[in-house]
Amino acid sequence: ICYRFVMSWWEWRVFFSAPAGTARNAEDVWELLGRKPPAGEPERRSDVYVVCTGDAGIKLRSGRSLEIKLTECRHESGAQFLYKLHGEADVTLKAAIVKCLGSVKVSGRDTLRDSLESALALTSESSELSCVLLHKSRKAAAFGGAYVEQTDITSDSFSDLRWRSVCVECSRLDRLLKVLKTNTNSSSDTVSEHLLKLAGKPESYADFVVHLWHGKE
């Protein structure tokens, strides 16, 4: 089987700790944008993330289907251009990851190939994979030609901690940047300026899991 990339897009994402051990009163992106939260119940699921590199996000989506996101490049804003792979999870997790990454054909994209090869080498050489289970409660909606999501996160491995992630994604970088430059509803800051005061810097789920794991060690 030769696996193929199923989609690609730009993504700008931040994570920040929720105050007082709960995400309920954390900064709300819908308030920043001056709009009502999306209607309906949030999407809830639990994903198992493999600790790999900051350029390779590897997870079992809902504990079942293998999903890999590779970073090709990073914009000065902190946005990343990501490629997504779907793999088979009917064998051991390590074997499924190695099979998927080892079967991808990349040509003419040196940085993407570097991300893939680094992830493949690290996974292949690891005697045992380190994993983090993240529980998510997520709402998302279209805004300004892009897609905005807000996710509250907990983990059994870090039971006393809570996080909130805010993400803007789009196939077009200009539309994504336009959303980030939107003035907030409550201050003179732009959306990105306000969120970066909370988060420090943008990072992907791959970055977040790596930092979370190594902070635990």
N, C-alpha and C. Protein backbone atom coordinates (compact mmCIF):
# COMPACT_ATOMS: atom_id res chain seq x y z
N ILE A 1 0.85 -1.19 0.00
CA ILE A 1 0.00 0.00 0.00
C ILE A 1 0.88 1.24 0.00
N CYS A 2 0.58 2.18 -0.88
CA CYS A 2 1.26 3.48 -0.88
C CYS A 2 0.28 4.51 -0.33
N TYR A 3 0.54 5.00 0.84
CA TYR A 3 -0.36 5.96 1.46
C TYR A 3 -0.20 7.33 0.81
N ARG A 4 -1.29 8.06 0.76
CA ARG A 4 -1.28 9.38 0.14
C ARG A 4 -1.80 10.41 1.14
N PHE A 5 -1.35 11.65 0.96
CA PHE A 5 -1.86 12.73 1.79
C PHE A 5 -3.31 13.01 1.40
N VAL A 6 -4.18 13.10 2.41
CA VAL A 6 -5.60 13.27 2.12
C VAL A 6 -6.04 14.72 2.15
N MET A 7 -5.26 15.59 2.81
CA MET A 7 -5.61 17.02 2.78
C MET A 7 -4.42 17.83 3.29
N SER A 8 -4.44 19.12 2.97
CA SER A 8 -3.39 20.03 3.43
C SER A 8 -4.02 21.39 3.71
N TRP A 9 -3.47 22.11 4.68
CA TRP A 9 -4.05 23.40 5.05
C TRP A 9 -3.09 24.15 5.96
N TRP A 10 -3.38 25.45 6.14
CA TRP A 10 -2.66 26.28 7.10
C TRP A 10 -3.39 26.23 8.43
N GLU A 11 -2.61 26.16 9.51
CA GLU A 11 -3.20 26.12 10.85
C GLU A 11 -2.40 26.98 11.80
N TRP A 12 -3.10 27.82 12.54
CA TRP A 12 -2.50 28.62 13.62
C TRP A 12 -3.22 28.21 14.89
N ARG A 13 -2.46 27.73 15.88
CA ARG A 13 -3.09 27.19 17.08
C ARG A 13 -2.30 27.61 18.32
N VAL A 14 -3.01 27.87 19.41
CA VAL A 14 -2.38 28.15 20.69
C VAL A 14 -3.02 27.27 21.76
N PHE A 15 -2.26 27.05 22.83
CA PHE A 15 -2.75 26.36 24.02
C PHE A 15 -2.46 27.24 25.24
N PHE A 16 -3.38 27.27 26.18
CA PHE A 16 -3.09 27.98 27.42
C PHE A 16 -3.83 27.28 28.56
N SER A 17 -3.28 27.41 29.75
CA SER A 17 -3.87 26.79 30.93
C SER A 17 -5.14 27.52 31.32
N ALA A 18 -6.13 26.76 31.72
CA ALA A 18 -7.38 27.36 32.19
C ALA A 18 -7.22 27.71 33.66
N PRO A 19 -7.69 28.87 34.09
CA PRO A 19 -7.51 29.28 35.49
C PRO A 19 -8.35 28.45 36.45
N ALA A 20 -7.87 28.37 37.67
CA ALA A 20 -8.61 27.73 38.77
C ALA A 20 -9.00 26.29 38.46
N GLY A 21 -8.19 25.62 37.64
CA GLY A 21 -8.40 24.20 37.39
C GLY A 21 -9.59 23.87 36.52
N THR A 22 -10.18 24.86 35.87
CA THR A 22 -11.31 24.58 34.99
C THR A 22 -11.22 25.44 33.76
N ALA A 23 -11.73 24.93 32.63
CA ALA A 23 -11.72 25.70 31.40
C ALA A 23 -12.98 26.55 31.25
N ARG A 24 -13.92 26.39 32.16
CA ARG A 24 -15.22 27.05 31.99
C ARG A 24 -15.09 28.57 31.90
N ASN A 25 -14.20 29.15 32.72
CA ASN A 25 -14.06 30.61 32.75
C ASN A 25 -12.82 31.11 32.01
N ALA A 26 -12.22 30.23 31.22
CA ALA A 26 -11.05 30.64 30.44
C ALA A 26 -11.46 31.58 29.32
N GLU A 27 -10.46 32.22 28.73
CA GLU A 27 -10.72 33.16 27.64
C GLU A 27 -11.52 32.47 26.54
N ASP A 28 -12.57 33.14 26.07
CA ASP A 28 -13.47 32.54 25.09
C ASP A 28 -13.28 33.20 23.73
N VAL A 29 -12.95 32.42 22.71
CA VAL A 29 -12.67 32.98 21.40
C VAL A 29 -13.91 33.59 20.77
N TRP A 30 -15.08 33.04 21.09
CA TRP A 30 -16.31 33.58 20.49
C TRP A 30 -16.59 34.98 21.01
N GLU A 31 -16.27 35.22 22.29
CA GLU A 31 -16.41 36.58 22.83
C GLU A 31 -15.41 37.52 22.19
N LEU A 32 -14.18 37.04 21.97
CA LEU A 32 -13.17 37.88 21.33
C LEU A 32 -13.60 38.30 19.94
N LEU A 33 -14.27 37.39 19.23
CA LEU A 33 -14.70 37.67 17.86
C LEU A 33 -16.04 38.41 17.82
N GLY A 34 -16.68 38.58 18.98
CA GLY A 34 -17.95 39.29 19.02
C GLY A 34 -19.09 38.53 18.39
N ARG A 35 -19.09 37.21 18.58
CA ARG A 35 -20.17 36.40 18.03
C ARG A 35 -20.61 35.35 19.05
N LYS A 36 -21.81 34.82 18.83
CA LYS A 36 -22.33 33.81 19.72
C LYS A 36 -21.60 32.49 19.48
N PRO A 37 -21.46 31.68 20.53
CA PRO A 37 -20.85 30.35 20.34
C PRO A 37 -21.69 29.51 19.38
N PRO A 38 -21.09 28.59 18.67
CA PRO A 38 -21.86 27.71 17.79
C PRO A 38 -22.94 26.98 18.58
N ALA A 39 -24.08 26.81 17.96
CA ALA A 39 -25.20 26.15 18.63
C ALA A 39 -24.91 24.65 18.80
N GLY A 40 -25.63 24.05 19.73
CA GLY A 40 -25.54 22.61 19.91
C GLY A 40 -24.47 22.20 20.90
N GLU A 41 -24.45 20.91 21.17
CA GLU A 41 -23.48 20.34 22.09
C GLU A 41 -22.10 20.27 21.45
N PRO A 42 -21.05 20.43 22.24
CA PRO A 42 -19.70 20.30 21.68
C PRO A 42 -19.40 18.86 21.26
N GLU A 43 -18.50 18.71 20.31
CA GLU A 43 -18.01 17.39 19.94
C GLU A 43 -17.07 16.91 21.05
N ARG A 44 -17.30 15.71 21.54
CA ARG A 44 -16.46 15.16 22.60
C ARG A 44 -15.82 13.86 22.12
N ARG A 45 -14.52 13.76 22.31
CA ARG A 45 -13.82 12.52 21.97
C ARG A 45 -12.49 12.46 22.73
N SER A 46 -11.90 11.29 22.75
CA SER A 46 -10.60 11.08 23.40
C SER A 46 -9.63 10.54 22.37
N ASP A 47 -8.49 11.22 22.22
CA ASP A 47 -7.47 10.84 21.24
C ASP A 47 -6.19 10.45 21.96
N VAL A 48 -5.54 9.40 21.47
CA VAL A 48 -4.25 8.97 21.99
C VAL A 48 -3.16 9.55 21.11
N TYR A 49 -2.30 10.41 21.69
CA TYR A 49 -1.22 11.04 20.95
C TYR A 49 0.10 10.34 21.25
N VAL A 50 0.87 10.10 20.19
CA VAL A 50 2.21 9.54 20.33
C VAL A 50 3.20 10.69 20.45
N VAL A 51 4.07 10.63 21.44
CA VAL A 51 5.10 11.65 21.62
C VAL A 51 6.17 11.41 20.55
N CYS A 52 6.27 12.34 19.61
CA CYS A 52 7.21 12.17 18.50
C CYS A 52 8.05 13.44 18.36
N THR A 53 7.88 14.18 17.27
CA THR A 53 8.58 15.44 17.08
C THR A 53 7.56 16.56 16.95
N GLY A 54 8.02 17.80 17.05
CA GLY A 54 7.11 18.93 16.89
C GLY A 54 6.58 19.09 15.49
N ASP A 55 7.16 18.39 14.53
CA ASP A 55 6.72 18.47 13.14
C ASP A 55 5.91 17.26 12.72
N ALA A 56 5.59 16.37 13.66
CA ALA A 56 4.82 15.18 13.33
C ALA A 56 3.81 14.89 14.44
N GLY A 57 2.56 15.18 14.16
CA GLY A 57 1.50 14.87 15.10
C GLY A 57 0.90 13.52 14.77
N ILE A 58 1.02 12.56 15.67
CA ILE A 58 0.55 11.20 15.43
C ILE A 58 -0.47 10.84 16.50
N LYS A 59 -1.65 10.40 16.08
CA LYS A 59 -2.68 10.08 17.07
C LYS A 59 -3.57 8.94 16.59
N LEU A 60 -4.19 8.28 17.56
CA LEU A 60 -5.30 7.38 17.30
C LEU A 60 -6.56 8.18 17.58
N ARG A 61 -7.26 8.54 16.54
CA ARG A 61 -8.47 9.35 16.67
C ARG A 61 -9.57 8.52 17.31
N SER A 62 -10.08 8.99 18.43
CA SER A 62 -11.07 8.26 19.23
C SER A 62 -10.57 6.87 19.60
N GLY A 63 -9.23 6.72 19.64
CA GLY A 63 -8.64 5.45 20.03
C GLY A 63 -8.70 4.38 18.97
N ARG A 64 -9.09 4.75 17.73
CA ARG A 64 -9.29 3.72 16.70
C ARG A 64 -8.48 3.99 15.43
N SER A 65 -8.77 5.07 14.71
CA SER A 65 -8.17 5.31 13.40
C SER A 65 -6.87 6.12 13.52
N LEU A 66 -5.84 5.68 12.80
CA LEU A 66 -4.54 6.34 12.82
C LEU A 66 -4.57 7.60 11.95
N GLU A 67 -4.08 8.70 12.51
CA GLU A 67 -4.03 9.97 11.79
C GLU A 67 -2.68 10.63 12.05
N ILE A 68 -2.00 11.05 11.00
CA ILE A 68 -0.68 11.66 11.11
C ILE A 68 -0.70 13.01 10.39
N LYS A 69 -0.23 14.06 11.08
CA LYS A 69 -0.11 15.38 10.48
C LYS A 69 1.36 15.77 10.45
N LEU A 70 1.85 16.11 9.26
CA LEU A 70 3.25 16.49 9.09
C LEU A 70 3.34 17.96 8.72
N THR A 71 4.28 18.68 9.32
CA THR A 71 4.48 20.09 9.03
C THR A 71 5.46 20.25 7.88
N GLU A 72 5.04 20.99 6.84
CA GLU A 72 5.96 21.28 5.75
C GLU A 72 6.73 22.58 6.00
N CYS A 73 6.04 23.60 6.49
CA CYS A 73 6.72 24.87 6.76
C CYS A 73 5.96 25.66 7.81
N ARG A 74 6.63 26.66 8.38
CA ARG A 74 6.04 27.53 9.38
C ARG A 74 6.16 28.98 8.93
N HIS A 75 5.06 29.70 8.97
CA HIS A 75 5.03 31.12 8.62
C HIS A 75 5.49 31.94 9.82
N GLU A 76 5.95 33.16 9.56
CA GLU A 76 6.44 34.03 10.64
C GLU A 76 5.36 34.31 11.68
N SER A 77 4.10 34.18 11.32
CA SER A 77 3.00 34.38 12.26
C SER A 77 2.88 33.23 13.26
N GLY A 78 3.53 32.11 12.95
CA GLY A 78 3.39 30.91 13.76
C GLY A 78 2.47 29.88 13.13
N ALA A 79 1.81 30.26 12.03
CA ALA A 79 0.96 29.30 11.31
C ALA A 79 1.82 28.22 10.68
N GLN A 80 1.29 27.01 10.64
CA GLN A 80 1.99 25.88 10.03
C GLN A 80 1.20 25.35 8.84
N PHE A 81 1.92 24.93 7.81
CA PHE A 81 1.27 24.28 6.68
C PHE A 81 1.37 22.78 6.91
N LEU A 82 0.22 22.12 7.07
CA LEU A 82 0.16 20.73 7.48
C LEU A 82 -0.37 19.82 6.38
N TYR A 83 0.14 18.61 6.35
CA TYR A 83 -0.37 17.56 5.49
C TYR A 83 -0.88 16.43 6.39
N LYS A 84 -2.04 15.89 6.05
CA LYS A 84 -2.63 14.83 6.85
C LYS A 84 -2.58 13.49 6.12
N LEU A 85 -2.26 12.45 6.89
CA LEU A 85 -2.25 11.07 6.41
C LEU A 85 -3.21 10.25 7.24
N HIS A 86 -3.89 9.32 6.61
CA HIS A 86 -4.68 8.33 7.33
C HIS A 86 -4.02 6.98 7.15
N GLY A 87 -3.92 6.20 8.21
CA GLY A 87 -3.31 4.88 8.13
C GLY A 87 -4.22 3.82 8.70
N GLU A 88 -3.78 2.58 8.60
CA GLU A 88 -4.52 1.45 9.12
C GLU A 88 -4.05 1.17 10.55
N ALA A 89 -4.98 0.94 11.44
CA ALA A 89 -4.63 0.68 12.83
C ALA A 89 -5.02 -0.74 13.24
N ASP A 90 -4.95 -1.68 12.27
CA ASP A 90 -5.35 -3.05 12.55
C ASP A 90 -4.16 -3.91 12.99
N VAL A 91 -3.01 -3.29 13.17
CA VAL A 91 -1.84 -3.99 13.70
C VAL A 91 -1.40 -3.23 14.95
N THR A 92 -0.22 -3.54 15.51
CA THR A 92 0.24 -2.77 16.65
C THR A 92 0.42 -1.31 16.24
N LEU A 93 0.31 -0.41 17.21
CA LEU A 93 0.39 1.01 16.90
C LEU A 93 1.72 1.37 16.25
N LYS A 94 2.82 0.88 16.81
CA LYS A 94 4.13 1.18 16.25
C LYS A 94 4.24 0.68 14.82
N ALA A 95 3.80 -0.56 14.58
CA ALA A 95 3.87 -1.13 13.23
C ALA A 95 3.01 -0.34 12.25
N ALA A 96 1.84 0.13 12.71
CA ALA A 96 0.95 0.90 11.85
C ALA A 96 1.59 2.23 11.46
N ILE A 97 2.24 2.89 12.42
CA ILE A 97 2.89 4.18 12.15
C ILE A 97 4.05 4.01 11.19
N VAL A 98 4.90 3.03 11.46
CA VAL A 98 6.05 2.78 10.59
C VAL A 98 5.60 2.42 9.18
N LYS A 99 4.56 1.61 9.08
CA LYS A 99 4.03 1.20 7.78
C LYS A 99 3.50 2.40 7.01
N CYS A 100 2.77 3.25 7.70
CA CYS A 100 2.18 4.43 7.06
C CYS A 100 3.25 5.41 6.60
N LEU A 101 4.16 5.78 7.52
CA LEU A 101 5.20 6.75 7.19
C LEU A 101 6.17 6.20 6.15
N GLY A 102 6.46 4.92 6.23
CA GLY A 102 7.41 4.32 5.31
C GLY A 102 6.88 4.12 3.91
N SER A 103 5.57 4.22 3.74
CA SER A 103 4.96 3.99 2.43
C SER A 103 4.64 5.27 1.68
N VAL A 104 4.83 6.41 2.33
CA VAL A 104 4.50 7.69 1.67
C VAL A 104 5.61 8.09 0.70
N LYS A 105 5.21 8.53 -0.46
CA LYS A 105 6.15 9.00 -1.46
C LYS A 105 6.10 10.52 -1.52
N VAL A 106 7.22 11.14 -1.25
CA VAL A 106 7.30 12.61 -1.26
C VAL A 106 8.36 13.02 -2.28
N SER A 107 7.99 13.91 -3.19
CA SER A 107 8.95 14.39 -4.18
C SER A 107 8.86 15.90 -4.28
N GLY A 108 10.01 16.57 -4.36
CA GLY A 108 10.03 18.02 -4.55
C GLY A 108 9.68 18.82 -3.33
N ARG A 109 9.59 18.20 -2.16
CA ARG A 109 9.24 18.92 -0.93
C ARG A 109 10.24 18.53 0.15
N ASP A 110 11.39 19.17 0.16
CA ASP A 110 12.47 18.76 1.06
C ASP A 110 12.09 18.87 2.53
N THR A 111 11.43 19.98 2.91
CA THR A 111 11.09 20.17 4.32
C THR A 111 10.04 19.16 4.77
N LEU A 112 9.09 18.85 3.92
CA LEU A 112 8.08 17.85 4.25
C LEU A 112 8.73 16.48 4.39
N ARG A 113 9.66 16.17 3.49
CA ARG A 113 10.36 14.89 3.58
C ARG A 113 11.18 14.81 4.87
N ASP A 114 11.78 15.92 5.27
CA ASP A 114 12.55 15.94 6.53
C ASP A 114 11.65 15.63 7.72
N SER A 115 10.45 16.22 7.74
CA SER A 115 9.50 15.96 8.83
C SER A 115 9.12 14.49 8.86
N LEU A 116 8.87 13.92 7.69
CA LEU A 116 8.47 12.52 7.60
C LEU A 116 9.60 11.60 8.05
N GLU A 117 10.80 11.84 7.53
CA GLU A 117 11.93 10.95 7.84
C GLU A 117 12.33 11.03 9.32
N SER A 118 12.23 12.22 9.92
CA SER A 118 12.55 12.35 11.35
C SER A 118 11.56 11.58 12.19
N ALA A 119 10.27 11.68 11.84
CA ALA A 119 9.24 10.95 12.58
C ALA A 119 9.40 9.45 12.40
N LEU A 120 9.71 9.01 11.19
CA LEU A 120 9.89 7.59 10.92
C LEU A 120 11.09 7.03 11.69
N ALA A 121 12.19 7.77 11.70
CA ALA A 121 13.39 7.31 12.40
C ALA A 121 13.14 7.21 13.90
N LEU A 122 12.50 8.23 14.48
CA LEU A 122 12.26 8.24 15.92
C LEU A 122 11.32 7.11 16.32
N THR A 123 10.27 6.90 15.52
CA THR A 123 9.31 5.84 15.83
C THR A 123 9.93 4.47 15.67
N SER A 124 10.68 4.27 14.61
CA SER A 124 11.29 2.97 14.33
C SER A 124 12.29 2.57 15.41
N GLU A 125 13.04 3.57 15.89
CA GLU A 125 14.12 3.27 16.83
C GLU A 125 13.66 3.20 18.29
N SER A 126 12.42 3.60 18.56
CA SER A 126 11.92 3.58 19.93
C SER A 126 11.52 2.16 20.33
N SER A 127 12.04 1.71 21.45
CA SER A 127 11.66 0.37 21.92
C SER A 127 10.22 0.35 22.42
N GLU A 128 9.78 1.49 22.93
CA GLU A 128 8.41 1.61 23.41
C GLU A 128 7.91 3.02 23.17
N LEU A 129 6.74 3.15 22.59
CA LEU A 129 6.19 4.46 22.29
C LEU A 129 5.63 5.12 23.55
N SER A 130 5.89 6.41 23.70
CA SER A 130 5.30 7.18 24.78
C SER A 130 4.01 7.82 24.26
N CYS A 131 2.93 7.69 25.01
CA CYS A 131 1.64 8.18 24.55
C CYS A 131 0.94 9.01 25.62
N VAL A 132 0.12 9.93 25.17
CA VAL A 132 -0.68 10.78 26.07
C VAL A 132 -2.13 10.72 25.62
N LEU A 133 -3.03 10.42 26.53
CA LEU A 133 -4.46 10.40 26.23
C LEU A 133 -5.05 11.77 26.55
N LEU A 134 -5.63 12.42 25.53
CA LEU A 134 -6.25 13.73 25.72
C LEU A 134 -7.76 13.62 25.50
N HIS A 135 -8.52 14.14 26.45
CA HIS A 135 -9.98 14.20 26.33
C HIS A 135 -10.35 15.61 25.84
N LYS A 136 -11.17 15.68 24.81
CA LYS A 136 -11.47 16.97 24.18
C LYS A 136 -12.96 17.27 24.14
N SER A 137 -13.27 18.53 24.33
CA SER A 137 -14.62 19.04 24.14
C SER A 137 -14.50 20.23 23.20
N ARG A 138 -15.06 20.13 22.00
CA ARG A 138 -14.70 21.04 20.91
C ARG A 138 -15.91 21.64 20.23
N LYS A 139 -15.82 22.95 19.93
CA LYS A 139 -16.80 23.62 19.09
C LYS A 139 -16.07 24.37 17.99
N ALA A 140 -16.67 24.42 16.81
CA ALA A 140 -16.02 25.07 15.67
C ALA A 140 -17.06 25.72 14.77
N ALA A 141 -16.61 26.76 14.05
CA ALA A 141 -17.51 27.47 13.14
C ALA A 141 -16.70 28.22 12.10
N ALA A 142 -17.34 28.51 10.97
CA ALA A 142 -16.71 29.32 9.93
C ALA A 142 -16.70 30.78 10.37
N PHE A 143 -15.61 31.47 10.02
CA PHE A 143 -15.51 32.90 10.34
C PHE A 143 -14.53 33.55 9.37
N GLY A 144 -14.97 34.59 8.67
CA GLY A 144 -14.09 35.35 7.79
C GLY A 144 -13.41 34.54 6.71
N GLY A 145 -14.09 33.52 6.21
CA GLY A 145 -13.51 32.70 5.16
C GLY A 145 -12.56 31.63 5.66
N ALA A 146 -12.45 31.52 7.00
CA ALA A 146 -11.60 30.49 7.61
C ALA A 146 -12.45 29.67 8.57
N TYR A 147 -11.80 28.82 9.33
CA TYR A 147 -12.48 27.91 10.25
C TYR A 147 -11.87 28.12 11.64
N VAL A 148 -12.70 28.42 12.62
CA VAL A 148 -12.23 28.69 13.98
C VAL A 148 -12.75 27.60 14.91
N GLU A 149 -11.87 27.10 15.75
CA GLU A 149 -12.31 26.09 16.73
C GLU A 149 -11.77 26.42 18.11
N GLN A 150 -12.52 26.01 19.10
CA GLN A 150 -12.10 26.15 20.50
C GLN A 150 -12.29 24.81 21.19
N THR A 151 -11.24 24.33 21.85
CA THR A 151 -11.27 22.99 22.44
C THR A 151 -10.80 23.05 23.89
N ASP A 152 -11.59 22.47 24.77
CA ASP A 152 -11.18 22.31 26.16
C ASP A 152 -10.60 20.91 26.33
N ILE A 153 -9.47 20.82 27.02
CA ILE A 153 -8.67 19.59 27.05
C ILE A 153 -8.34 19.19 28.48
N THR A 154 -8.48 17.90 28.75
CA THR A 154 -8.00 17.32 30.00
C THR A 154 -7.23 16.05 29.67
N SER A 155 -6.50 15.54 30.66
CA SER A 155 -5.74 14.30 30.47
C SER A 155 -5.68 13.53 31.78
N ASP A 156 -5.88 12.22 31.71
CA ASP A 156 -5.79 11.39 32.90
C ASP A 156 -4.38 11.43 33.52
N SER A 157 -3.38 11.65 32.66
CA SER A 157 -1.99 11.68 33.13
C SER A 157 -1.66 12.97 33.87
N PHE A 158 -2.49 14.00 33.67
CA PHE A 158 -2.27 15.31 34.30
C PHE A 158 -3.61 15.78 34.85
N SER A 159 -4.13 15.03 35.81
CA SER A 159 -5.51 15.21 36.26
C SER A 159 -5.78 16.56 36.91
N ASP A 160 -4.74 17.23 37.39
CA ASP A 160 -4.93 18.52 38.05
C ASP A 160 -4.82 19.70 37.08
N LEU A 161 -4.64 19.43 35.79
CA LEU A 161 -4.46 20.48 34.81
C LEU A 161 -5.59 20.49 33.79
N ARG A 162 -5.88 21.69 33.29
CA ARG A 162 -6.86 21.88 32.23
C ARG A 162 -6.27 22.85 31.22
N TRP A 163 -6.60 22.67 29.96
CA TRP A 163 -6.11 23.58 28.93
C TRP A 163 -7.25 23.96 28.00
N ARG A 164 -7.04 25.08 27.33
CA ARG A 164 -7.92 25.47 26.23
C ARG A 164 -7.04 25.71 25.02
N SER A 165 -7.50 25.22 23.88
CA SER A 165 -6.81 25.45 22.61
C SER A 165 -7.73 26.25 21.69
N VAL A 166 -7.16 27.24 21.03
CA VAL A 166 -7.89 28.01 20.01
C VAL A 166 -7.13 27.87 18.69
N CYS A 167 -7.86 27.60 17.64
CA CYS A 167 -7.23 27.33 16.34
C CYS A 167 -7.96 28.08 15.24
N VAL A 168 -7.19 28.61 14.29
CA VAL A 168 -7.74 29.16 13.05
C VAL A 168 -7.07 28.38 11.92
N GLU A 169 -7.86 27.84 11.02
CA GLU A 169 -7.29 27.08 9.91
C GLU A 169 -7.98 27.43 8.60
N CYS A 170 -7.22 27.30 7.52
CA CYS A 170 -7.75 27.64 6.20
C CYS A 170 -6.76 27.14 5.15
N SER A 171 -7.24 26.85 3.97
CA SER A 171 -6.35 26.46 2.88
C SER A 171 -5.58 27.67 2.35
N ARG A 172 -6.08 28.87 2.63
CA ARG A 172 -5.44 30.10 2.17
C ARG A 172 -4.86 30.87 3.34
N LEU A 173 -3.57 31.15 3.28
CA LEU A 173 -2.89 31.85 4.37
C LEU A 173 -3.43 33.26 4.55
N ASP A 174 -3.75 33.95 3.47
CA ASP A 174 -4.22 35.33 3.59
C ASP A 174 -5.52 35.42 4.38
N ARG A 175 -6.42 34.47 4.19
CA ARG A 175 -7.68 34.48 4.95
C ARG A 175 -7.44 34.17 6.42
N LEU A 176 -6.54 33.25 6.69
CA LEU A 176 -6.20 32.93 8.07
C LEU A 176 -5.62 34.15 8.78
N LEU A 177 -4.68 34.83 8.13
CA LEU A 177 -4.05 36.00 8.73
C LEU A 177 -5.05 37.12 8.96
N LYS A 178 -6.02 37.24 8.06
CA LYS A 178 -7.05 38.27 8.22
C LYS A 178 -7.86 38.04 9.49
N VAL A 179 -8.19 36.79 9.79
CA VAL A 179 -8.92 36.48 11.03
C VAL A 179 -8.05 36.82 12.24
N LEU A 180 -6.77 36.45 12.19
CA LEU A 180 -5.87 36.72 13.32
C LEU A 180 -5.72 38.22 13.57
N LYS A 181 -5.84 39.02 12.52
CA LYS A 181 -5.69 40.47 12.65
C LYS A 181 -6.98 41.18 12.99
N THR A 182 -8.06 40.41 13.17
CA THR A 182 -9.35 41.00 13.55
C THR A 182 -9.23 41.62 14.94
N ASN A 183 -9.74 42.83 15.10
CA ASN A 183 -9.73 43.45 16.43
C ASN A 183 -10.69 42.72 17.36
N THR A 184 -10.27 42.52 18.59
CA THR A 184 -11.12 41.81 19.53
C THR A 184 -12.29 42.68 19.95
N ASN A 185 -13.29 42.04 20.51
CA ASN A 185 -14.50 42.74 20.91
C ASN A 185 -14.32 43.53 22.20
N SER A 186 -13.22 43.23 22.95
CA SER A 186 -13.09 43.81 24.29
C SER A 186 -11.87 44.70 24.49
N SER A 187 -10.97 44.77 23.49
CA SER A 187 -9.77 45.60 23.66
C SER A 187 -9.26 46.03 22.29
N SER A 188 -8.16 46.78 22.30
CA SER A 188 -7.57 47.24 21.04
C SER A 188 -6.66 46.18 20.43
N ASP A 189 -6.43 45.09 21.14
CA ASP A 189 -5.60 44.00 20.61
C ASP A 189 -6.29 43.29 19.46
N THR A 190 -5.48 42.72 18.58
CA THR A 190 -6.03 41.81 17.60
C THR A 190 -6.24 40.45 18.27
N VAL A 191 -6.93 39.56 17.57
CA VAL A 191 -7.17 38.23 18.13
C VAL A 191 -5.86 37.52 18.46
N SER A 192 -4.91 37.56 17.53
CA SER A 192 -3.64 36.86 17.77
C SER A 192 -2.87 37.52 18.92
N GLU A 193 -2.85 38.85 18.99
CA GLU A 193 -2.14 39.54 20.07
C GLU A 193 -2.72 39.15 21.43
N HIS A 194 -4.04 39.12 21.51
CA HIS A 194 -4.70 38.79 22.78
C HIS A 194 -4.38 37.36 23.21
N LEU A 195 -4.49 36.42 22.28
CA LEU A 195 -4.28 35.01 22.61
C LEU A 195 -2.81 34.72 22.93
N LEU A 196 -1.90 35.41 22.25
CA LEU A 196 -0.48 35.18 22.52
C LEU A 196 -0.07 35.69 23.89
N LYS A 197 -0.79 36.65 24.43
CA LYS A 197 -0.52 37.09 25.80
C LYS A 197 -0.84 35.98 26.80
N LEU A 198 -1.76 35.10 26.43
CA LEU A 198 -2.12 33.98 27.28
C LEU A 198 -1.24 32.76 27.04
N ALA A 199 -0.94 32.52 25.75
CA ALA A 199 -0.27 31.27 25.37
C ALA A 199 1.24 31.40 25.23
N GLY A 200 1.72 32.59 24.95
CA GLY A 200 3.16 32.78 24.74
C GLY A 200 3.57 32.66 23.29
N LYS A 201 3.19 31.55 22.66
CA LYS A 201 3.53 31.36 21.25
C LYS A 201 2.58 30.32 20.64
N PRO A 202 2.44 30.34 19.31
CA PRO A 202 1.62 29.31 18.66
C PRO A 202 2.34 27.97 18.70
N GLU A 203 1.58 26.89 18.77
CA GLU A 203 2.14 25.55 18.66
C GLU A 203 1.06 24.57 18.23
N SER A 204 1.49 23.51 17.58
CA SER A 204 0.58 22.47 17.11
C SER A 204 0.32 21.48 18.23
N TYR A 205 -0.60 20.54 17.99
CA TYR A 205 -0.79 19.46 18.96
C TYR A 205 0.51 18.67 19.13
N ALA A 206 1.26 18.50 18.03
CA ALA A 206 2.54 17.79 18.11
C ALA A 206 3.49 18.50 19.07
N ASP A 207 3.61 19.82 18.93
CA ASP A 207 4.44 20.61 19.85
C ASP A 207 3.95 20.47 21.29
N PHE A 208 2.64 20.61 21.46
CA PHE A 208 2.03 20.59 22.79
C PHE A 208 2.30 19.27 23.51
N VAL A 209 2.11 18.16 22.80
CA VAL A 209 2.31 16.84 23.41
C VAL A 209 3.78 16.63 23.78
N VAL A 210 4.70 17.05 22.91
CA VAL A 210 6.13 16.91 23.20
C VAL A 210 6.50 17.70 24.45
N HIS A 211 6.05 18.97 24.52
CA HIS A 211 6.37 19.80 25.67
C HIS A 211 5.71 19.26 26.95
N LEU A 212 4.49 18.79 26.81
CA LEU A 212 3.77 18.25 27.96
C LEU A 212 4.49 17.02 28.52
N TRP A 213 4.91 16.14 27.64
CA TRP A 213 5.55 14.90 28.07
C TRP A 213 6.91 15.14 28.71
N HIS A 214 7.71 15.97 28.07
CA HIS A 214 9.06 16.22 28.59
C HIS A 214 9.03 17.07 29.86
N GLY A 215 7.94 17.84 30.03
CA GLY A 215 7.78 18.57 31.27
C GLY A 215 7.45 17.64 32.43
N LYS A 216 6.88 16.48 32.09
CA LYS A 216 6.50 15.49 33.09
C LYS A 216 7.72 14.72 33.58
N GLU A 217 8.73 14.58 32.72
CA GLU A 217 9.89 13.74 33.04
C GLU A 217 10.77 14.38 34.14
